[in-house]
C-alpha atoms as a PDB file:
ATOM      1  CA  UNK A   1     -49.883  -4.477 -29.606  1.00  0.00           C
ATOM      2  CA  UNK A   2     -46.761  -6.015 -28.011  1.00  0.00           C
ATOM      3  CA  UNK A   3     -43.178  -5.382 -28.997  1.00  0.00           C
ATOM      4  CA  UNK A   4     -40.915  -8.445 -29.279  1.00  0.00           C
ATOM      5  CA  UNK A   5     -37.195  -7.858 -28.872  1.00  0.00           C
ATOM      6  CA  UNK A   6     -34.277 -10.237 -29.063  1.00  0.00           C
ATOM      7  CA  UNK A   7     -32.234 -11.062 -25.991  1.00  0.00           C
ATOM      8  CA  UNK A   8     -28.988 -10.035 -27.622  1.00  0.00           C
ATOM      9  CA  UNK A   9     -29.712  -6.979 -29.726  1.00  0.00           C
ATOM     10  CA  UNK A  10     -32.953  -5.433 -28.463  1.00  0.00           C
ATOM     11  CA  UNK A  11     -33.725  -2.944 -25.719  1.00  0.00           C
ATOM     12  CA  UNK A  12     -33.615  -5.705 -23.097  1.00  0.00           C
ATOM     13  CA  UNK A  13     -30.016  -6.598 -23.995  1.00  0.00           C
ATOM     14  CA  UNK A  14     -29.032  -2.934 -24.112  1.00  0.00           C
ATOM     15  CA  UNK A  15     -30.617  -2.357 -20.700  1.00  0.00           C
ATOM     16  CA  UNK A  16     -28.703  -5.280 -19.233  1.00  0.00           C
ATOM     17  CA  UNK A  17     -25.432  -3.930 -20.583  1.00  0.00           C
ATOM     18  CA  UNK A  18     -26.321  -0.502 -19.242  1.00  0.00           C
ATOM     19  CA  UNK A  19     -26.992  -1.933 -15.773  1.00  0.00           C
ATOM     20  CA  UNK A  20     -23.657  -3.761 -15.793  1.00  0.00           C
ATOM     21  CA  UNK A  21     -21.880  -0.553 -16.858  1.00  0.00           C
ATOM     22  CA  UNK A  22     -23.586   1.409 -14.054  1.00  0.00           C
ATOM     23  CA  UNK A  23     -22.571  -1.204 -11.493  1.00  0.00           C
ATOM     24  CA  UNK A  24     -18.952  -1.165 -12.673  1.00  0.00           C
ATOM     25  CA  UNK A  25     -18.902   2.634 -12.494  1.00  0.00           C
ATOM     26  CA  UNK A  26     -20.270   2.646  -8.936  1.00  0.00           C
ATOM     27  CA  UNK A  27     -17.990   2.573  -5.921  1.00  0.00           C
ATOM     28  CA  UNK A  28     -19.372  -0.745  -4.688  1.00  0.00           C
ATOM     29  CA  UNK A  29     -18.980  -2.220  -8.163  1.00  0.00           C
ATOM     30  CA  UNK A  30     -15.356  -1.092  -8.305  1.00  0.00           C
ATOM     31  CA  UNK A  31     -14.723  -2.584  -4.865  1.00  0.00           C
ATOM     32  CA  UNK A  32     -16.257  -5.888  -5.961  1.00  0.00           C
ATOM     33  CA  UNK A  33     -14.085  -5.792  -9.098  1.00  0.00           C
ATOM     34  CA  UNK A  34     -11.004  -5.230  -6.953  1.00  0.00           C
ATOM     35  CA  UNK A  35     -12.058  -8.093  -4.696  1.00  0.00           C
ATOM     36  CA  UNK A  36     -12.636 -10.532  -7.563  1.00  0.00           C
ATOM     37  CA  UNK A  37      -9.383  -9.676  -9.321  1.00  0.00           C
ATOM     38  CA  UNK A  38      -7.688  -9.870  -5.944  1.00  0.00           C
ATOM     39  CA  UNK A  39      -8.960 -13.437  -5.536  1.00  0.00           C
ATOM     40  CA  UNK A  40      -7.441 -14.360  -8.915  1.00  0.00           C
ATOM     41  CA  UNK A  41      -4.100 -12.771  -8.043  1.00  0.00           C
ATOM     42  CA  UNK A  42      -4.051 -14.278  -4.542  1.00  0.00           C
ATOM     43  CA  UNK A  43      -4.722 -17.719  -5.980  1.00  0.00           C
ATOM     44  CA  UNK A  44      -1.836 -17.218  -8.377  1.00  0.00           C
ATOM     45  CA  UNK A  45       0.471 -16.216  -5.514  1.00  0.00           C
ATOM     46  CA  UNK A  46      -0.356 -19.428  -3.653  1.00  0.00           C
ATOM     47  CA  UNK A  47       0.025 -21.622  -6.749  1.00  0.00           C
ATOM     48  CA  UNK A  48       3.279 -19.968  -7.812  1.00  0.00           C
ATOM     49  CA  UNK A  49       4.671 -20.368  -4.304  1.00  0.00           C
ATOM     50  CA  UNK A  50       3.790 -24.074  -4.260  1.00  0.00           C
ATOM     51  CA  UNK A  51       5.541 -24.544  -7.599  1.00  0.00           C
ATOM     52  CA  UNK A  52       8.682 -22.740  -6.441  1.00  0.00           C
ATOM     53  CA  UNK A  53       8.929 -24.854  -3.290  1.00  0.00           C
ATOM     54  CA  UNK A  54       9.720 -27.826  -5.502  1.00  0.00           C
ATOM     55  CA  UNK A  55      13.255 -26.408  -5.514  1.00  0.00           C
ATOM     56  CA  UNK A  56      13.711 -28.154  -2.147  1.00  0.00           C
ATOM     57  CA  UNK A  57      13.146 -31.502  -3.921  1.00  0.00           C
ATOM     58  CA  UNK A  58      16.083 -30.847  -6.215  1.00  0.00           C
ATOM     59  CA  UNK A  59      16.730 -29.689  -9.809  1.00  0.00           C
ATOM     60  CA  UNK A  60      14.857 -32.536 -11.509  1.00  0.00           C
ATOM     61  CA  UNK A  61      11.579 -31.793  -9.737  1.00  0.00           C
ATOM     62  CA  UNK A  62      11.340 -28.049 -10.376  1.00  0.00           C
ATOM     63  CA  UNK A  63      12.844 -28.322 -13.889  1.00  0.00           C
ATOM     64  CA  UNK A  64      10.195 -30.936 -14.751  1.00  0.00           C
ATOM     65  CA  UNK A  65       7.539 -28.585 -13.374  1.00  0.00           C
ATOM     66  CA  UNK A  66       8.802 -25.772 -15.603  1.00  0.00           C
ATOM     67  CA  UNK A  67       8.930 -28.078 -18.611  1.00  0.00           C
ATOM     68  CA  UNK A  68       5.357 -29.198 -17.970  1.00  0.00           C
ATOM     69  CA  UNK A  69       4.171 -25.578 -18.086  1.00  0.00           C
ATOM     70  CA  UNK A  70       6.080 -24.763 -21.278  1.00  0.00           C
ATOM     71  CA  UNK A  71       4.853 -27.955 -22.958  1.00  0.00           C
ATOM     72  CA  UNK A  72       1.291 -26.627 -22.573  1.00  0.00           C
ATOM     73  CA  UNK A  73       1.513 -23.199 -24.273  1.00  0.00           C
ATOM     74  CA  UNK A  74      -2.262 -22.769 -24.521  1.00  0.00           C
ATOM     75  CA  UNK A  75      -2.644 -23.192 -20.751  1.00  0.00           C
ATOM     76  CA  UNK A  76       0.418 -21.052 -20.035  1.00  0.00           C
ATOM     77  CA  UNK A  77      -0.618 -18.129 -22.233  1.00  0.00           C
ATOM     78  CA  UNK A  78      -4.239 -18.306 -21.111  1.00  0.00           C
ATOM     79  CA  UNK A  79      -3.046 -18.008 -17.519  1.00  0.00           C
ATOM     80  CA  UNK A  80      -0.760 -15.107 -18.440  1.00  0.00           C
ATOM     81  CA  UNK A  81      -3.537 -13.229 -20.255  1.00  0.00           C
ATOM     82  CA  UNK A  82      -5.967 -13.751 -17.372  1.00  0.00           C
ATOM     83  CA  UNK A  83      -3.348 -12.538 -14.880  1.00  0.00           C
ATOM     84  CA  UNK A  84      -2.494  -9.515 -17.024  1.00  0.00           C
ATOM     85  CA  UNK A  85      -6.184  -8.609 -17.318  1.00  0.00           C
ATOM     86  CA  UNK A  86      -6.659  -9.082 -13.563  1.00  0.00           C
ATOM     87  CA  UNK A  87      -3.677  -6.823 -12.785  1.00  0.00           C
ATOM     88  CA  UNK A  88      -4.905  -4.156 -15.227  1.00  0.00           C
ATOM     89  CA  UNK A  89      -8.473  -4.158 -13.880  1.00  0.00           C
ATOM     90  CA  UNK A  90      -7.217  -4.198 -10.295  1.00  0.00           C
ATOM     91  CA  UNK A  91      -5.039  -1.138 -10.878  1.00  0.00           C
ATOM     92  CA  UNK A  92      -7.771   0.677 -12.823  1.00  0.00           C
ATOM     93  CA  UNK A  93     -10.364   0.122 -10.090  1.00  0.00           C
ATOM     94  CA  UNK A  94      -7.906   1.272  -7.422  1.00  0.00           C
ATOM     95  CA  UNK A  95      -7.039   4.478  -9.302  1.00  0.00           C
ATOM     96  CA  UNK A  96     -10.700   5.368  -9.899  1.00  0.00           C
ATOM     97  CA  UNK A  97     -11.630   4.721  -6.252  1.00  0.00           C
ATOM     98  CA  UNK A  98      -8.640   6.713  -4.996  1.00  0.00           C
ATOM     99  CA  UNK A  99      -9.544   9.702  -7.183  1.00  0.00           C
ATOM    100  CA  UNK A 100     -13.139   9.580  -5.963  1.00  0.00           C
ATOM    101  CA  UNK A 101     -12.054   9.463  -2.334  1.00  0.00           C
ATOM    102  CA  UNK A 102      -9.697  12.395  -2.855  1.00  0.00           C
ATOM    103  CA  UNK A 103     -12.384  14.336  -4.692  1.00  0.00           C
ATOM    104  CA  UNK A 104     -14.905  13.707  -1.910  1.00  0.00           C
ATOM    105  CA  UNK A 105     -12.689  15.676   0.528  1.00  0.00           C
ATOM    106  CA  UNK A 106     -12.253  19.314  -0.427  1.00  0.00           C
ATOM    107  CA  UNK A 107      -9.838  19.782   2.480  1.00  0.00           C
ATOM    108  CA  UNK A 108      -7.312  17.400   3.992  1.00  0.00           C
ATOM    109  CA  UNK A 109      -7.327  16.289   7.601  1.00  0.00           C
ATOM    110  CA  UNK A 110      -6.119  18.927  10.068  1.00  0.00           C
ATOM    111  CA  UNK A 111      -4.769  16.199  12.370  1.00  0.00           C
ATOM    112  CA  UNK A 112      -5.110  12.692  11.004  1.00  0.00           C
ATOM    113  CA  UNK A 113      -5.379  10.061  13.741  1.00  0.00           C
ATOM    114  CA  UNK A 114      -6.249   6.650  12.303  1.00  0.00           C
ATOM    115  CA  UNK A 115      -8.299   4.479  14.631  1.00  0.00           C
ATOM    116  CA  UNK A 116      -9.554   1.379  12.856  1.00  0.00           C
ATOM    117  CA  UNK A 117      -7.455   1.519   9.688  1.00  0.00           C
ATOM    118  CA  UNK A 118      -4.304  -0.582   9.657  1.00  0.00           C
ATOM    119  CA  UNK A 119      -0.839   0.379   8.454  1.00  0.00           C
ATOM    120  CA  UNK A 120      -1.328  -2.094   5.595  1.00  0.00           C
ATOM    121  CA  UNK A 121      -4.452  -0.285   4.374  1.00  0.00           C
ATOM    122  CA  UNK A 122      -2.823   3.151   4.629  1.00  0.00           C
ATOM    123  CA  UNK A 123       0.209   1.992   2.647  1.00  0.00           C
ATOM    124  CA  UNK A 124      -1.685   0.408  -0.278  1.00  0.00           C
ATOM    125  CA  UNK A 125      -0.847   3.379  -2.486  1.00  0.00           C
ATOM    126  CA  UNK A 126       2.845   2.685  -1.871  1.00  0.00           C
ATOM    127  CA  UNK A 127       2.943  -1.120  -1.849  1.00  0.00           C
ATOM    128  CA  UNK A 128       0.902  -1.336  -5.084  1.00  0.00           C
ATOM    129  CA  UNK A 129       3.442   0.542  -7.284  1.00  0.00           C
ATOM    130  CA  UNK A 130       6.323  -1.238  -5.520  1.00  0.00           C
ATOM    131  CA  UNK A 131       4.765  -4.593  -6.339  1.00  0.00           C
ATOM    132  CA  UNK A 132       4.224  -3.563  -9.952  1.00  0.00           C
ATOM    133  CA  UNK A 133       7.909  -2.609 -10.242  1.00  0.00           C
ATOM    134  CA  UNK A 134       8.901  -5.881  -8.563  1.00  0.00           C
ATOM    135  CA  UNK A 135       6.743  -7.937 -10.945  1.00  0.00           C
ATOM    136  CA  UNK A 136       8.320  -6.246 -13.978  1.00  0.00           C
ATOM    137  CA  UNK A 137      11.805  -6.941 -12.614  1.00  0.00           C
ATOM    138  CA  UNK A 138      10.898 -10.541 -11.741  1.00  0.00           C
ATOM    139  CA  UNK A 139       9.691 -11.171 -15.308  1.00  0.00           C
ATOM    140  CA  UNK A 140      12.894  -9.692 -16.763  1.00  0.00           C
ATOM    141  CA  UNK A 141      14.941 -11.674 -14.248  1.00  0.00           C
ATOM    142  CA  UNK A 142      13.395 -15.150 -14.146  1.00  0.00           C
ATOM    143  CA  UNK A 143      11.122 -15.357 -17.196  1.00  0.00           C
ATOM    144  CA  UNK A 144      12.951 -13.656 -20.051  1.00  0.00           C
ATOM    145  CA  UNK A 145      16.418 -13.684 -18.448  1.00  0.00           C
ATOM    146  CA  UNK A 146      17.083 -10.131 -19.644  1.00  0.00           C
ATOM    147  CA  UNK A 147      18.691  -8.988 -16.370  1.00  0.00           C
ATOM    148  CA  UNK A 148      19.810 -12.434 -15.184  1.00  0.00           C
ATOM    149  CA  UNK A 149      23.595 -12.982 -14.818  1.00  0.00           C
ATOM    150  CA  UNK A 150      23.580 -16.544 -16.239  1.00  0.00           C
ATOM    151  CA  UNK A 151      20.123 -17.406 -17.584  1.00  0.00           C
ATOM    152  CA  UNK A 152      19.632 -20.856 -19.110  1.00  0.00           C
ATOM    153  CA  UNK A 153      16.316 -21.563 -20.857  1.00  0.00           C
ATOM    154  CA  UNK A 154      14.487 -24.437 -19.167  1.00  0.00           C
ATOM    155  CA  UNK A 155      16.927 -24.733 -16.241  1.00  0.00           C
ATOM    156  CA  UNK A 156      14.654 -23.371 -13.520  1.00  0.00           C
ATOM    157  CA  UNK A 157      16.759 -24.594 -10.589  1.00  0.00           C
ATOM    158  CA  UNK A 158      19.974 -23.188 -12.057  1.00  0.00           C
ATOM    159  CA  UNK A 159      18.304 -19.844 -12.745  1.00  0.00           C
ATOM    160  CA  UNK A 160      16.982 -19.638  -9.178  1.00  0.00           C
ATOM    161  CA  UNK A 161      20.337 -20.440  -7.588  1.00  0.00           C
ATOM    162  CA  UNK A 162      22.496 -18.206  -9.777  1.00  0.00           C
ATOM    163  CA  UNK A 163      19.946 -15.415  -9.839  1.00  0.00           C
ATOM    164  CA  UNK A 164      19.312 -15.225  -6.087  1.00  0.00           C
ATOM    165  CA  UNK A 165      22.891 -15.974  -5.031  1.00  0.00           C
ATOM    166  CA  UNK A 166      23.611 -12.263  -5.537  1.00  0.00           C
ATOM    167  CA  UNK A 167      22.761 -10.841  -2.114  1.00  0.00           C
ATOM    168  CA  UNK A 168      21.555  -7.460  -3.440  1.00  0.00           C
ATOM    169  CA  UNK A 169      19.079  -9.233  -5.731  1.00  0.00           C
ATOM    170  CA  UNK A 170      17.958 -11.555  -2.931  1.00  0.00           C
ATOM    171  CA  UNK A 171      17.469  -8.526  -0.664  1.00  0.00           C
ATOM    172  CA  UNK A 172      15.376  -6.816  -3.335  1.00  0.00           C
ATOM    173  CA  UNK A 173      13.206  -9.947  -3.550  1.00  0.00           C
ATOM    174  CA  UNK A 174      12.751  -9.961   0.227  1.00  0.00           C
ATOM    175  CA  UNK A 175      11.775  -6.272   0.188  1.00  0.00           C
ATOM    176  CA  UNK A 176       9.300  -7.054  -2.588  1.00  0.00           C
ATOM    177  CA  UNK A 177       7.881  -9.833  -0.419  1.00  0.00           C
ATOM    178  CA  UNK A 178       7.497  -7.390   2.486  1.00  0.00           C
ATOM    179  CA  UNK A 179       5.413  -5.153   0.205  1.00  0.00           C
ATOM    180  CA  UNK A 180       3.459  -8.223  -0.915  1.00  0.00           C
ATOM    181  CA  UNK A 181       2.761  -9.151   2.712  1.00  0.00           C
ATOM    182  CA  UNK A 182       1.184  -5.764   3.474  1.00  0.00           C
ATOM    183  CA  UNK A 183      -0.745  -5.618   0.204  1.00  0.00           C
ATOM    184  CA  UNK A 184      -1.935  -9.219   0.382  1.00  0.00           C
ATOM    185  CA  UNK A 185      -2.980  -9.034   4.033  1.00  0.00           C
ATOM    186  CA  UNK A 186      -5.120  -5.935   3.530  1.00  0.00           C
ATOM    187  CA  UNK A 187      -6.528  -7.227   0.245  1.00  0.00           C
ATOM    188  CA  UNK A 188      -7.645 -10.571   1.679  1.00  0.00           C
ATOM    189  CA  UNK A 189      -9.117  -8.946   4.793  1.00  0.00           C
ATOM    190  CA  UNK A 190     -10.946  -6.369   2.653  1.00  0.00           C
ATOM    191  CA  UNK A 191     -12.445  -9.142   0.534  1.00  0.00           C
ATOM    192  CA  UNK A 192     -14.469 -10.331   3.522  1.00  0.00           C
ATOM    193  CA  UNK A 193     -15.673  -6.770   4.199  1.00  0.00           C
ATOM    194  CA  UNK A 194     -16.582  -6.065   0.565  1.00  0.00           C
ATOM    195  CA  UNK A 195     -18.681  -9.228   0.388  1.00  0.00           C
ATOM    196  CA  UNK A 196     -20.373  -8.318   3.689  1.00  0.00           C
ATOM    197  CA  UNK A 197     -19.053 -11.392   5.470  1.00  0.00           C
ATOM    198  CA  UNK A 198     -16.976  -9.642   8.123  1.00  0.00           C
ATOM    199  CA  UNK A 199     -16.075  -6.334   9.728  1.00  0.00           C
ATOM    200  CA  UNK A 200     -12.754  -4.558  10.133  1.00  0.00           C
ATOM    201  CA  UNK A 201     -11.897  -5.692  13.661  1.00  0.00           C
ATOM    202  CA  UNK A 202      -8.610  -7.157  14.949  1.00  0.00           C
ATOM    203  CA  UNK A 203     -10.329 -10.348  16.120  1.00  0.00           C
ATOM    204  CA  UNK A 204     -12.462 -10.775  12.988  1.00  0.00           C
ATOM    205  CA  UNK A 205     -12.465 -13.957  10.931  1.00  0.00           C
ATOM    206  CA  UNK A 206     -11.372 -12.051   7.831  1.00  0.00           C
ATOM    207  CA  UNK A 207      -8.260 -10.639   9.485  1.00  0.00           C
ATOM    208  CA  UNK A 208      -7.339 -13.994  11.009  1.00  0.00           C
ATOM    209  CA  UNK A 209      -7.703 -15.708   7.630  1.00  0.00           C
ATOM    210  CA  UNK A 210      -5.735 -12.902   5.953  1.00  0.00           C
ATOM    211  CA  UNK A 211      -2.928 -13.312   8.487  1.00  0.00           C
ATOM    212  CA  UNK A 212      -2.697 -17.075   7.950  1.00  0.00           C
ATOM    213  CA  UNK A 213      -2.928 -16.811   4.161  1.00  0.00           C
ATOM    214  CA  UNK A 214      -0.273 -14.098   4.023  1.00  0.00           C
ATOM    215  CA  UNK A 215       2.132 -15.959   6.292  1.00  0.00           C
ATOM    216  CA  UNK A 216       1.864 -19.148   4.232  1.00  0.00           C
ATOM    217  CA  UNK A 217       2.322 -17.371   0.896  1.00  0.00           C
ATOM    218  CA  UNK A 218       5.045 -14.893   1.817  1.00  0.00           C
ATOM    219  CA  UNK A 219       7.130 -17.200   4.041  1.00  0.00           C
ATOM    220  CA  UNK A 220       6.941 -19.885   1.356  1.00  0.00           C
ATOM    221  CA  UNK A 221       8.413 -17.464  -1.177  1.00  0.00           C
ATOM    222  CA  UNK A 222      10.962 -16.032   1.269  1.00  0.00           C
ATOM    223  CA  UNK A 223      12.311 -19.478   2.153  1.00  0.00           C
ATOM    224  CA  UNK A 224      13.977 -19.797  -1.256  1.00  0.00           C
ATOM    225  CA  UNK A 225      16.226 -16.686  -1.318  1.00  0.00           C
ATOM    226  CA  UNK A 226      17.009 -17.129   2.394  1.00  0.00           C
ATOM    227  CA  UNK A 227      18.039 -20.765   1.922  1.00  0.00           C
ATOM    228  CA  UNK A 228      20.102 -19.885  -1.163  1.00  0.00           C
ATOM    229  CA  UNK A 229      21.989 -17.175   0.739  1.00  0.00           C
ATOM    230  CA  UNK A 230      22.464 -19.575   3.665  1.00  0.00           C
ATOM    231  CA  UNK A 231      23.906 -22.246   1.362  1.00  0.00           C
ATOM    232  CA  UNK A 232      21.106 -24.740   2.013  1.00  0.00           C
ATOM    233  CA  UNK A 233      20.068 -24.628  -1.618  1.00  0.00           C
ATOM    234  CA  UNK A 234      23.080 -24.700  -3.942  1.00  0.00           C
END
């Protein structure tokens, strides 16, 4: 006598959900989750940078870009929700993995001498919280205008110029970009390792790609506050 079960509610569906849960709880599953959410966040960094560079085409170009985004609230809020979920899952996976790694060592290193690990990988626990603080400030500064000295809704170019003309604020942005560079470089390089495509070697394809990707993204962002302070953008 055979037992027929439905795909959604029977034992087969429950087993599938159980397998997914086990994978997500495993270290490799958490690393894959960090890699996938990292891809989403890295793609956003590149897209956001490309949008900001329209400032070099003048106020009309970047203001029209901002208006286009706000005229499509469904797209805008979908993107925001996806990004928020990606950030939350990324942080959660990192915390769980860090606790497991700490718990696996009952005693610390007597003399820690890193060989293959990079400075970027060893500083992830620092650059992550710094980036989170920077993102919160950036939202309050350029999105809501809460801490902006002269915020004007819809005037993206004006908000960039007046907001980053203050040298202490521009410096804070550049420091945030330095943290982003370290975090992004290690994250992109680790993606290749997690997926089994590459190994952690200085000459590896993953590290070369990570270097190029990071330089493009971070220098693209940094060009704006630097050019505002230099009086090129005004």
